[in-house]
Amino acid sequence: MPESTMPESTMPESTMPESSICLTFDFDAISLWLARGMPSPGPVSRGEFGAHAMPRILRALAERGITATFFIPGHTVDTYPAECAAIAEAGHEIALHGYAHEPVSKLDRAGELAAALRARDSIRKVTGYEPTGNRTPSWDFTTSTVDVLLELGCEYDSSLMGTDYTPYYARRGDVADPDGPYRFGEPTSLVELPVSWSLDDYPQFEYLRTDTGIMPGLRDPGTVFGNFLDDVDYMMREEPGGVCVLTFHPQVIGRGHRMLGLERFLDACLERPLAFRTCQDAARAFRSPAGS
């Protein structure tokens, strides 16, 4: 689909309750490459570009009056304090995303908690923001993650994929038995705002070559954002009042032709009966629908 011809919604506005988009940005910067064991100048420079692109992303959001959620590793906050402070000053939500983009499945419970506490301290110190949400690095998860987040006082997580447009309460105590049916644990008070690799810019756009294979990326923005918009329109038709979480990375989406695609996508969404909400607002609306 050409970038300049985003389709208009064909659904009558008067018959649809307001659906929501959570526009989210994972400001991984250099931490992503360090976590992958790639500290040489080449990969590091790819992370640096995320900071370089931040002003243009904030400008595009400000021009459209959109408030987003930024999931920021503590390492990024410590490395780029001015850029992270600018995010908070612009009124965007800041949420947890590990300290150094460490996969939580490689940590024990104590290590997972320690990384989150360190990240929270960095966010508080640099931005003055009190994070209430979390996204695990690379959407990794452990049997301890829910309890760790509840111990931290988090209201929501956005790392799992159990639904597409319907928030739900994250569970604890699931049991995976290969000799019997999967046993579901108990729901907790932690709201889960589901994500999807199909609504993430990284696998669509980013080229990555490693010893184990190649992620080709480098797709046409018109096609990718056409797919994203189709997801939004399907949600509005089939699950009115739903929440669509889209994930972007400044070091990926910040390239010129992709920024143009993002801007056209946002403009197309603004023409629809949609609300842009932070993840915090979406989670609180789910928990207390009467107040949404």
C-alpha atoms as a PDB file:
ATOM      1  CA  MET A   1       0.000   0.000   0.000  1.00  0.00           C
ATOM      2  CA  PRO A   2       1.525   3.382  -0.945  1.00  0.00           C
ATOM      3  CA  GLU A   3       2.325   5.561   2.021  1.00  0.00           C
ATOM      4  CA  SER A   4       0.243   8.443   0.674  1.00  0.00           C
ATOM      5  CA  THR A   5      -3.026   6.488   0.365  1.00  0.00           C
ATOM      6  CA  MET A   6      -3.946   5.313   3.839  1.00  0.00           C
ATOM      7  CA  PRO A   7      -7.582   4.135   3.635  1.00  0.00           C
ATOM      8  CA  GLU A   8     -10.328   6.004   5.402  1.00  0.00           C
ATOM      9  CA  SER A   9     -12.439   4.148   7.925  1.00  0.00           C
ATOM     10  CA  THR A  10     -15.625   2.729   6.385  1.00  0.00           C
ATOM     11  CA  MET A  11     -17.401   2.236   9.731  1.00  0.00           C
ATOM     12  CA  PRO A  12     -20.128   4.642  10.906  1.00  0.00           C
ATOM     13  CA  GLU A  13     -18.744   6.639  13.804  1.00  0.00           C
ATOM     14  CA  SER A  14     -22.074   6.924  15.624  1.00  0.00           C
ATOM     15  CA  THR A  15     -22.327   3.157  16.159  1.00  0.00           C
ATOM     16  CA  MET A  16     -18.903   2.617  17.725  1.00  0.00           C
ATOM     17  CA  PRO A  17     -17.760   3.163  21.302  1.00  0.00           C
ATOM     18  CA  GLU A  18     -14.389   4.859  21.489  1.00  0.00           C
ATOM     19  CA  SER A  19     -11.452   2.555  20.932  1.00  0.00           C
ATOM     20  CA  SER A  20      -7.928   3.384  22.064  1.00  0.00           C
ATOM     21  CA  ILE A  21      -4.393   3.321  20.744  1.00  0.00           C
ATOM     22  CA  CYS A  22      -1.438   3.082  23.096  1.00  0.00           C
ATOM     23  CA  LEU A  23       1.517   4.499  21.201  1.00  0.00           C
ATOM     24  CA  THR A  24       4.639   3.154  22.901  1.00  0.00           C
ATOM     25  CA  PHE A  25       8.356   3.711  22.342  1.00  0.00           C
ATOM     26  CA  ASP A  26      11.099   1.445  23.717  1.00  0.00           C
ATOM     27  CA  PHE A  27      14.033   3.848  24.085  1.00  0.00           C
ATOM     28  CA  ASP A  28      16.642   1.087  24.306  1.00  0.00           C
ATOM     29  CA  ALA A  29      19.523   3.111  22.825  1.00  0.00           C
ATOM     30  CA  ILE A  30      22.911   1.487  23.480  1.00  0.00           C
ATOM     31  CA  SER A  31      21.625  -0.942  26.116  1.00  0.00           C
ATOM     32  CA  LEU A  32      20.057  -3.168  23.456  1.00  0.00           C
ATOM     33  CA  TRP A  33      23.421  -3.868  21.864  1.00  0.00           C
ATOM     34  CA  LEU A  34      25.268  -4.316  25.138  1.00  0.00           C
ATOM     35  CA  ALA A  35      22.674  -6.891  26.204  1.00  0.00           C
ATOM     36  CA  ARG A  36      23.380  -8.777  22.987  1.00  0.00           C
ATOM     37  CA  GLY A  37      27.106  -8.816  23.701  1.00  0.00           C
ATOM     38  CA  MET A  38      27.824  -6.372  20.870  1.00  0.00           C
ATOM     39  CA  PRO A  39      29.757  -3.484  22.482  1.00  0.00           C
ATOM     40  CA  SER A  40      31.864  -2.545  19.459  1.00  0.00           C
ATOM     41  CA  PRO A  41      31.473   0.918  17.879  1.00  0.00           C
ATOM     42  CA  GLY A  42      29.310  -0.271  14.975  1.00  0.00           C
ATOM     43  CA  PRO A  43      26.376  -1.681  16.960  1.00  0.00           C
ATOM     44  CA  VAL A  44      26.759   1.022  19.606  1.00  0.00           C
ATOM     45  CA  SER A  45      26.317   3.679  16.924  1.00  0.00           C
ATOM     46  CA  ARG A  46      22.974   2.135  15.992  1.00  0.00           C
ATOM     47  CA  GLY A  47      21.879   2.672  19.567  1.00  0.00           C
ATOM     48  CA  GLU A  48      23.213   6.224  19.535  1.00  0.00           C
ATOM     49  CA  PHE A  49      20.912   7.032  16.655  1.00  0.00           C
ATOM     50  CA  GLY A  50      17.931   6.515  18.949  1.00  0.00           C
ATOM     51  CA  ALA A  51      18.989   9.522  21.001  1.00  0.00           C
ATOM     52  CA  HIS A  52      19.681  11.504  17.841  1.00  0.00           C
ATOM     53  CA  ALA A  53      16.138  10.806  16.608  1.00  0.00           C
ATOM     54  CA  MET A  54      14.385  11.627  19.874  1.00  0.00           C
ATOM     55  CA  PRO A  55      13.765  15.350  19.147  1.00  0.00           C
ATOM     56  CA  ARG A  56      12.037  14.575  15.840  1.00  0.00           C
ATOM     57  CA  ILE A  57       9.835  11.959  17.508  1.00  0.00           C
ATOM     58  CA  LEU A  58       8.832  14.322  20.296  1.00  0.00           C
ATOM     59  CA  ARG A  59       8.147  17.047  17.745  1.00  0.00           C
ATOM     60  CA  ALA A  60       5.898  14.780  15.660  1.00  0.00           C
ATOM     61  CA  LEU A  61       3.902  13.849  18.764  1.00  0.00           C
ATOM     62  CA  ALA A  62       3.636  17.443  19.976  1.00  0.00           C
ATOM     63  CA  GLU A  63       2.409  18.667  16.596  1.00  0.00           C
ATOM     64  CA  ARG A  64      -0.478  16.187  16.831  1.00  0.00           C
ATOM     65  CA  GLY A  65      -1.234  16.571  20.526  1.00  0.00           C
ATOM     66  CA  ILE A  66      -0.473  12.888  21.184  1.00  0.00           C
ATOM     67  CA  THR A  67       0.757  11.637  24.549  1.00  0.00           C
ATOM     68  CA  ALA A  68       2.695   8.371  24.419  1.00  0.00           C
ATOM     69  CA  THR A  69       4.351   5.917  26.792  1.00  0.00           C
ATOM     70  CA  PHE A  70       8.136   5.524  26.745  1.00  0.00           C
ATOM     71  CA  PHE A  71       9.592   2.320  28.184  1.00  0.00           C
ATOM     72  CA  ILE A  72      13.162   3.254  29.056  1.00  0.00           C
ATOM     73  CA  PRO A  73      15.960   1.062  30.453  1.00  0.00           C
ATOM     74  CA  GLY A  74      17.802   2.600  33.390  1.00  0.00           C
ATOM     75  CA  HIS A  75      21.017   2.444  31.368  1.00  0.00           C
ATOM     76  CA  THR A  76      19.461   4.764  28.769  1.00  0.00           C
ATOM     77  CA  VAL A  77      18.321   7.177  31.469  1.00  0.00           C
ATOM     78  CA  ASP A  78      21.828   7.287  32.935  1.00  0.00           C
ATOM     79  CA  THR A  79      23.471   7.626  29.501  1.00  0.00           C
ATOM     80  CA  TYR A  80      21.064  10.178  27.998  1.00  0.00           C
ATOM     81  CA  PRO A  81      19.622  12.159  30.914  1.00  0.00           C
ATOM     82  CA  ALA A  82      18.786  15.252  28.859  1.00  0.00           C
ATOM     83  CA  GLU A  83      16.802  13.285  26.277  1.00  0.00           C
ATOM     84  CA  CYS A  84      14.924  11.367  28.962  1.00  0.00           C
ATOM     85  CA  ALA A  85      14.173  14.536  30.912  1.00  0.00           C
ATOM     86  CA  ALA A  86      12.778  16.041  27.703  1.00  0.00           C
ATOM     87  CA  ILE A  87      10.379  13.096  27.377  1.00  0.00           C
ATOM     88  CA  ALA A  88       9.039  13.724  30.873  1.00  0.00           C
ATOM     89  CA  GLU A  89       8.882  17.484  30.346  1.00  0.00           C
ATOM     90  CA  ALA A  90       6.780  16.930  27.226  1.00  0.00           C
ATOM     91  CA  GLY A  91       4.183  15.178  29.382  1.00  0.00           C
ATOM     92  CA  HIS A  92       4.726  11.602  28.228  1.00  0.00           C
ATOM     93  CA  GLU A  93       4.534   8.601  30.504  1.00  0.00           C
ATOM     94  CA  ILE A  94       7.795   6.867  31.449  1.00  0.00           C
ATOM     95  CA  ALA A  95       7.729   3.196  32.408  1.00  0.00           C
ATOM     96  CA  LEU A  96      10.205   0.474  33.359  1.00  0.00           C
ATOM     97  CA  HIS A  97      12.140  -1.567  30.785  1.00  0.00           C
ATOM     98  CA  GLY A  98      14.880  -3.267  32.783  1.00  0.00           C
ATOM     99  CA  TYR A  99      18.181  -1.639  33.650  1.00  0.00           C
ATOM    100  CA  ALA A 100      20.466  -2.757  30.807  1.00  0.00           C
ATOM    101  CA  HIS A 101      17.867  -4.471  28.622  1.00  0.00           C
ATOM    102  CA  GLU A 102      18.784  -7.724  30.357  1.00  0.00           C
ATOM    103  CA  PRO A 103      16.600 -10.774  29.501  1.00  0.00           C
ATOM    104  CA  VAL A 104      14.834 -11.516  32.768  1.00  0.00           C
ATOM    105  CA  SER A 105      14.849 -15.260  32.049  1.00  0.00           C
ATOM    106  CA  LYS A 106      18.612 -15.170  32.673  1.00  0.00           C
ATOM    107  CA  LEU A 107      18.089 -13.723  36.154  1.00  0.00           C
ATOM    108  CA  ASP A 108      16.824 -15.236  39.363  1.00  0.00           C
ATOM    109  CA  ARG A 109      14.047 -13.491  41.251  1.00  0.00           C
ATOM    110  CA  ALA A 110      16.462 -11.393  43.297  1.00  0.00           C
ATOM    111  CA  GLY A 111      18.313 -10.296  40.165  1.00  0.00           C
ATOM    112  CA  GLU A 112      15.105  -9.424  38.370  1.00  0.00           C
ATOM    113  CA  LEU A 113      13.971  -7.291  41.297  1.00  0.00           C
ATOM    114  CA  ALA A 114      17.378  -5.628  41.657  1.00  0.00           C
ATOM    115  CA  ALA A 115      17.458  -4.629  37.977  1.00  0.00           C
ATOM    116  CA  ALA A 116      13.969  -3.134  38.200  1.00  0.00           C
ATOM    117  CA  LEU A 117      14.773  -1.236  41.406  1.00  0.00           C
ATOM    118  CA  ARG A 118      17.951   0.187  39.881  1.00  0.00           C
ATOM    119  CA  ALA A 119      16.030   1.266  36.778  1.00  0.00           C
ATOM    120  CA  ARG A 120      13.319   2.895  38.880  1.00  0.00           C
ATOM    121  CA  ASP A 121      15.905   4.809  40.887  1.00  0.00           C
ATOM    122  CA  SER A 122      17.489   6.129  37.672  1.00  0.00           C
ATOM    123  CA  ILE A 123      14.123   7.257  36.310  1.00  0.00           C
ATOM    124  CA  ARG A 124      13.226   8.993  39.567  1.00  0.00           C
ATOM    125  CA  LYS A 125      16.582  10.739  39.851  1.00  0.00           C
ATOM    126  CA  VAL A 126      16.802  12.017  36.282  1.00  0.00           C
ATOM    127  CA  THR A 127      13.174  12.737  35.388  1.00  0.00           C
ATOM    128  CA  GLY A 128      11.310  12.960  38.685  1.00  0.00           C
ATOM    129  CA  TYR A 129       8.796  10.520  37.231  1.00  0.00           C
ATOM    130  CA  GLU A 130       7.284   7.698  39.282  1.00  0.00           C
ATOM    131  CA  PRO A 131       6.846   4.722  36.927  1.00  0.00           C
ATOM    132  CA  THR A 132       3.712   2.626  37.393  1.00  0.00           C
ATOM    133  CA  GLY A 133       4.143   0.294  34.436  1.00  0.00           C
ATOM    134  CA  ASN A 134       6.611  -2.161  32.965  1.00  0.00           C
ATOM    135  CA  ARG A 135       7.651  -3.832  29.745  1.00  0.00           C
ATOM    136  CA  THR A 136      10.206  -6.610  30.018  1.00  0.00           C
ATOM    137  CA  PRO A 137      13.178  -6.371  27.632  1.00  0.00           C
ATOM    138  CA  SER A 138      12.415  -8.315  24.428  1.00  0.00           C
ATOM    139  CA  TRP A 139       9.079  -9.287  26.043  1.00  0.00           C
ATOM    140  CA  ASP A 140      10.886 -11.934  28.069  1.00  0.00           C
ATOM    141  CA  PHE A 141       9.039 -13.199  31.157  1.00  0.00           C
ATOM    142  CA  THR A 142       9.549 -15.509  34.132  1.00  0.00           C
ATOM    143  CA  THR A 143       7.388 -17.181  36.761  1.00  0.00           C
ATOM    144  CA  SER A 144       8.583 -14.448  39.144  1.00  0.00           C
ATOM    145  CA  THR A 145       7.891 -11.410  36.945  1.00  0.00           C
ATOM    146  CA  VAL A 146       4.313 -10.760  38.042  1.00  0.00           C
ATOM    147  CA  ASP A 147       5.189 -10.955  41.735  1.00  0.00           C
ATOM    148  CA  VAL A 148       8.245  -8.731  41.221  1.00  0.00           C
ATOM    149  CA  LEU A 149       6.112  -6.087  39.520  1.00  0.00           C
ATOM    150  CA  LEU A 150       3.449  -6.240  42.216  1.00  0.00           C
ATOM    151  CA  GLU A 151       6.157  -5.853  44.859  1.00  0.00           C
ATOM    152  CA  LEU A 152       7.318  -2.733  43.019  1.00  0.00           C
ATOM    153  CA  GLY A 153       3.784  -1.346  43.084  1.00  0.00           C
ATOM    154  CA  CYS A 154       3.299  -1.524  39.314  1.00  0.00           C
ATOM    155  CA  GLU A 155      -0.244  -1.148  38.023  1.00  0.00           C
ATOM    156  CA  TYR A 156       0.298  -2.750  34.638  1.00  0.00           C
ATOM    157  CA  ASP A 157       2.630  -4.693  32.388  1.00  0.00           C
ATOM    158  CA  SER A 158       2.840  -4.696  28.585  1.00  0.00           C
ATOM    159  CA  SER A 159       4.859  -7.762  27.582  1.00  0.00           C
ATOM    160  CA  LEU A 160       2.460 -10.666  26.992  1.00  0.00           C
ATOM    161  CA  MET A 161       0.337 -11.727  24.027  1.00  0.00           C
ATOM    162  CA  GLY A 162      -2.691 -13.594  25.395  1.00  0.00           C
ATOM    163  CA  THR A 163      -5.149 -11.353  23.529  1.00  0.00           C
ATOM    164  CA  ASP A 164      -4.835  -8.661  20.904  1.00  0.00           C
ATOM    165  CA  TYR A 165      -7.137  -5.734  21.796  1.00  0.00           C
ATOM    166  CA  THR A 166      -8.454  -6.774  25.206  1.00  0.00           C
ATOM    167  CA  PRO A 167      -6.520  -5.974  28.405  1.00  0.00           C
ATOM    168  CA  TYR A 168      -6.611  -8.684  31.034  1.00  0.00           C
ATOM    169  CA  TYR A 169      -5.266  -9.443  34.498  1.00  0.00           C
ATOM    170  CA  ALA A 170      -1.876 -11.155  34.505  1.00  0.00           C
ATOM    171  CA  ARG A 171      -1.748 -14.519  36.260  1.00  0.00           C
ATOM    172  CA  ARG A 172       0.601 -16.131  38.731  1.00  0.00           C
ATOM    173  CA  GLY A 173       1.065 -19.818  39.400  1.00  0.00           C
ATOM    174  CA  ASP A 174       0.550 -21.295  35.936  1.00  0.00           C
ATOM    175  CA  VAL A 175       1.744 -24.887  35.597  1.00  0.00           C
ATOM    176  CA  ALA A 176       3.006 -26.259  32.285  1.00  0.00           C
ATOM    177  CA  ASP A 177       2.761 -30.029  32.481  1.00  0.00           C
ATOM    178  CA  PRO A 178       3.892 -31.845  29.312  1.00  0.00           C
ATOM    179  CA  ASP A 179       1.923 -34.917  30.415  1.00  0.00           C
ATOM    180  CA  GLY A 180      -1.369 -33.107  30.963  1.00  0.00           C
ATOM    181  CA  PRO A 181      -3.365 -29.980  30.158  1.00  0.00           C
ATOM    182  CA  TYR A 182      -1.903 -26.587  30.871  1.00  0.00           C
ATOM    183  CA  ARG A 183      -3.062 -25.405  34.296  1.00  0.00           C
ATOM    184  CA  PHE A 184      -3.861 -21.708  34.539  1.00  0.00           C
ATOM    185  CA  GLY A 185      -2.993 -19.893  37.753  1.00  0.00           C
ATOM    186  CA  GLU A 186      -4.868 -17.146  39.545  1.00  0.00           C
ATOM    187  CA  PRO A 187      -5.413 -13.662  38.101  1.00  0.00           C
ATOM    188  CA  THR A 188      -3.696 -10.848  39.983  1.00  0.00           C
ATOM    189  CA  SER A 189      -4.346  -7.118  40.166  1.00  0.00           C
ATOM    190  CA  LEU A 190      -1.660  -6.450  37.528  1.00  0.00           C
ATOM    191  CA  VAL A 191      -3.299  -5.303  34.292  1.00  0.00           C
ATOM    192  CA  GLU A 192      -1.764  -6.760  31.133  1.00  0.00           C
ATOM    193  CA  LEU A 193      -1.842  -4.598  28.001  1.00  0.00           C
ATOM    194  CA  PRO A 194      -1.091  -7.152  25.269  1.00  0.00           C
ATOM    195  CA  VAL A 195       1.537  -6.658  22.586  1.00  0.00           C
ATOM    196  CA  SER A 196       2.443  -8.414  19.350  1.00  0.00           C
ATOM    197  CA  TRP A 197       5.514  -8.790  17.170  1.00  0.00           C
ATOM    198  CA  SER A 198       3.226  -7.971  14.230  1.00  0.00           C
ATOM    199  CA  LEU A 199       2.637  -4.506  15.731  1.00  0.00           C
ATOM    200  CA  ASP A 200       6.317  -3.845  16.484  1.00  0.00           C
ATOM    201  CA  ASP A 201       8.540  -1.817  14.159  1.00  0.00           C
ATOM    202  CA  TYR A 202      11.759  -3.700  14.970  1.00  0.00           C
ATOM    203  CA  PRO A 203      11.197  -7.000  13.100  1.00  0.00           C
ATOM    204  CA  GLN A 204       9.583  -5.095  10.232  1.00  0.00           C
ATOM    205  CA  PHE A 205      12.352  -2.591   9.598  1.00  0.00           C
ATOM    206  CA  GLU A 206      15.615  -3.496  11.308  1.00  0.00           C
ATOM    207  CA  TYR A 207      18.343  -5.400   9.500  1.00  0.00           C
ATOM    208  CA  LEU A 208      20.404  -7.637  11.779  1.00  0.00           C
ATOM    209  CA  ARG A 209      23.054 -10.196  10.846  1.00  0.00           C
ATOM    210  CA  THR A 210      24.467 -12.538  13.470  1.00  0.00           C
ATOM    211  CA  ASP A 211      26.352 -15.828  13.535  1.00  0.00           C
ATOM    212  CA  THR A 212      23.033 -17.662  13.794  1.00  0.00           C
ATOM    213  CA  GLY A 213      21.154 -15.983  10.960  1.00  0.00           C
ATOM    214  CA  ILE A 214      19.812 -12.819   9.342  1.00  0.00           C
ATOM    215  CA  MET A 215      16.770 -10.738  10.226  1.00  0.00           C
ATOM    216  CA  PRO A 216      16.189  -8.973   6.886  1.00  0.00           C
ATOM    217  CA  GLY A 217      13.878  -6.132   7.947  1.00  0.00           C
ATOM    218  CA  LEU A 218      14.039  -3.097   5.649  1.00  0.00           C
ATOM    219  CA  ARG A 219      10.392  -3.350   4.610  1.00  0.00           C
ATOM    220  CA  ASP A 220       8.452  -0.606   2.843  1.00  0.00           C
ATOM    221  CA  PRO A 221       6.828   1.701   5.426  1.00  0.00           C
ATOM    222  CA  GLY A 222       3.645   2.009   3.368  1.00  0.00           C
ATOM    223  CA  THR A 223       3.048  -1.728   3.561  1.00  0.00           C
ATOM    224  CA  VAL A 224       3.939  -1.965   7.262  1.00  0.00           C
ATOM    225  CA  PHE A 225       1.786   0.961   8.337  1.00  0.00           C
ATOM    226  CA  GLY A 226      -1.005  -0.285   6.089  1.00  0.00           C
ATOM    227  CA  ASN A 227      -0.943  -3.504   8.110  1.00  0.00           C
ATOM    228  CA  PHE A 228      -0.925  -1.540  11.359  1.00  0.00           C
ATOM    229  CA  LEU A 229      -3.911   0.506  10.242  1.00  0.00           C
ATOM    230  CA  ASP A 230      -5.785  -2.630   9.216  1.00  0.00           C
ATOM    231  CA  ASP A 231      -5.312  -3.920  12.770  1.00  0.00           C
ATOM    232  CA  VAL A 232      -6.750  -0.684  14.116  1.00  0.00           C
ATOM    233  CA  ASP A 233      -9.744  -0.850  11.768  1.00  0.00           C
ATOM    234  CA  TYR A 234     -10.381  -4.503  12.602  1.00  0.00           C
ATOM    235  CA  MET A 235     -10.354  -3.655  16.300  1.00  0.00           C
ATOM    236  CA  MET A 236     -12.856  -0.855  15.750  1.00  0.00           C
ATOM    237  CA  ARG A 237     -15.164  -3.156  13.787  1.00  0.00           C
ATOM    238  CA  GLU A 238     -14.916  -6.348  15.849  1.00  0.00           C
ATOM    239  CA  GLU A 239     -13.931  -5.159  19.334  1.00  0.00           C
ATOM    240  CA  PRO A 240     -15.183  -1.583  19.696  1.00  0.00           C
ATOM    241  CA  GLY A 241     -13.766  -0.057  22.845  1.00  0.00           C
ATOM    242  CA  GLY A 242     -10.615  -2.163  22.529  1.00  0.00           C
ATOM    243  CA  VAL A 243      -6.998  -1.131  23.072  1.00  0.00           C
ATOM    244  CA  CYS A 244      -4.360  -1.495  20.347  1.00  0.00           C
ATOM    245  CA  VAL A 245      -0.773  -1.324  21.625  1.00  0.00           C
ATOM    246  CA  LEU A 246       1.829  -0.359  19.011  1.00  0.00           C
ATOM    247  CA  THR A 247       5.546  -0.628  19.738  1.00  0.00           C
ATOM    248  CA  PHE A 248       8.263   1.556  18.211  1.00  0.00           C
ATOM    249  CA  HIS A 249      11.966   2.040  18.845  1.00  0.00           C
ATOM    250  CA  PRO A 250      13.566   5.470  18.314  1.00  0.00           C
ATOM    251  CA  GLN A 251      16.649   3.920  16.700  1.00  0.00           C
ATOM    252  CA  VAL A 252      14.374   2.181  14.191  1.00  0.00           C
ATOM    253  CA  ILE A 253      11.402   4.446  13.522  1.00  0.00           C
ATOM    254  CA  GLY A 254      13.504   7.631  13.628  1.00  0.00           C
ATOM    255  CA  ARG A 255      14.869   7.190  10.085  1.00  0.00           C
ATOM    256  CA  GLY A 256      13.448   9.745   7.654  1.00  0.00           C
ATOM    257  CA  HIS A 257      11.278   7.591   5.399  1.00  0.00           C
ATOM    258  CA  ARG A 258       9.920   5.696   8.410  1.00  0.00           C
ATOM    259  CA  MET A 259       9.107   8.935  10.211  1.00  0.00           C
ATOM    260  CA  LEU A 260       7.069   9.997   7.188  1.00  0.00           C
ATOM    261  CA  GLY A 261       5.245   6.663   7.349  1.00  0.00           C
ATOM    262  CA  LEU A 262       4.626   7.086  11.069  1.00  0.00           C
ATOM    263  CA  GLU A 263       3.310  10.626  10.585  1.00  0.00           C
ATOM    264  CA  ARG A 264       0.881   9.500   7.870  1.00  0.00           C
ATOM    265  CA  PHE A 265      -0.269   6.632  10.060  1.00  0.00           C
ATOM    266  CA  LEU A 266      -0.889   8.936  13.017  1.00  0.00           C
ATOM    267  CA  ASP A 267      -2.789  11.381  10.833  1.00  0.00           C
ATOM    268  CA  ALA A 268      -4.973   8.535   9.513  1.00  0.00           C
ATOM    269  CA  CYS A 269      -5.700   7.409  13.088  1.00  0.00           C
ATOM    270  CA  LEU A 270      -6.595  10.958  14.108  1.00  0.00           C
ATOM    271  CA  GLU A 271      -9.270  10.959  11.395  1.00  0.00           C
ATOM    272  CA  ARG A 272     -10.949   7.987  13.094  1.00  0.00           C
ATOM    273  CA  PRO A 273     -13.051   7.947  16.278  1.00  0.00           C
ATOM    274  CA  LEU A 274     -10.073   6.872  18.354  1.00  0.00           C
ATOM    275  CA  ALA A 275      -8.401   8.033  21.548  1.00  0.00           C
ATOM    276  CA  PHE A 276      -4.640   8.048  22.038  1.00  0.00           C
ATOM    277  CA  ARG A 277      -4.022   6.981  25.635  1.00  0.00           C
ATOM    278  CA  THR A 278      -0.950   6.305  27.690  1.00  0.00           C
ATOM    279  CA  CYS A 279      -0.626   2.756  28.927  1.00  0.00           C
ATOM    280  CA  GLN A 280      -1.260   3.991  32.457  1.00  0.00           C
ATOM    281  CA  ASP A 281      -4.551   5.593  31.420  1.00  0.00           C
ATOM    282  CA  ALA A 282      -5.624   2.512  29.457  1.00  0.00           C
ATOM    283  CA  ALA A 283      -4.848   0.225  32.399  1.00  0.00           C
ATOM    284  CA  ARG A 284      -6.762   2.431  34.823  1.00  0.00           C
ATOM    285  CA  ALA A 285      -9.742   2.643  32.453  1.00  0.00           C
ATOM    286  CA  PHE A 286      -9.789  -1.158  32.225  1.00  0.00           C
ATOM    287  CA  ARG A 287      -9.662  -1.512  35.987  1.00  0.00           C
ATOM    288  CA  SER A 288     -12.381   1.118  36.554  1.00  0.00           C
ATOM    289  CA  PRO A 289     -14.452   1.271  33.345  1.00  0.00           C
ATOM    290  CA  ALA A 290     -17.044   3.572  34.871  1.00  0.00           C
ATOM    291  CA  GLY A 291     -14.352   6.229  35.206  1.00  0.00           C
ATOM    292  CA  SER A 292     -12.955   5.813  31.686  1.00  0.00           C
END
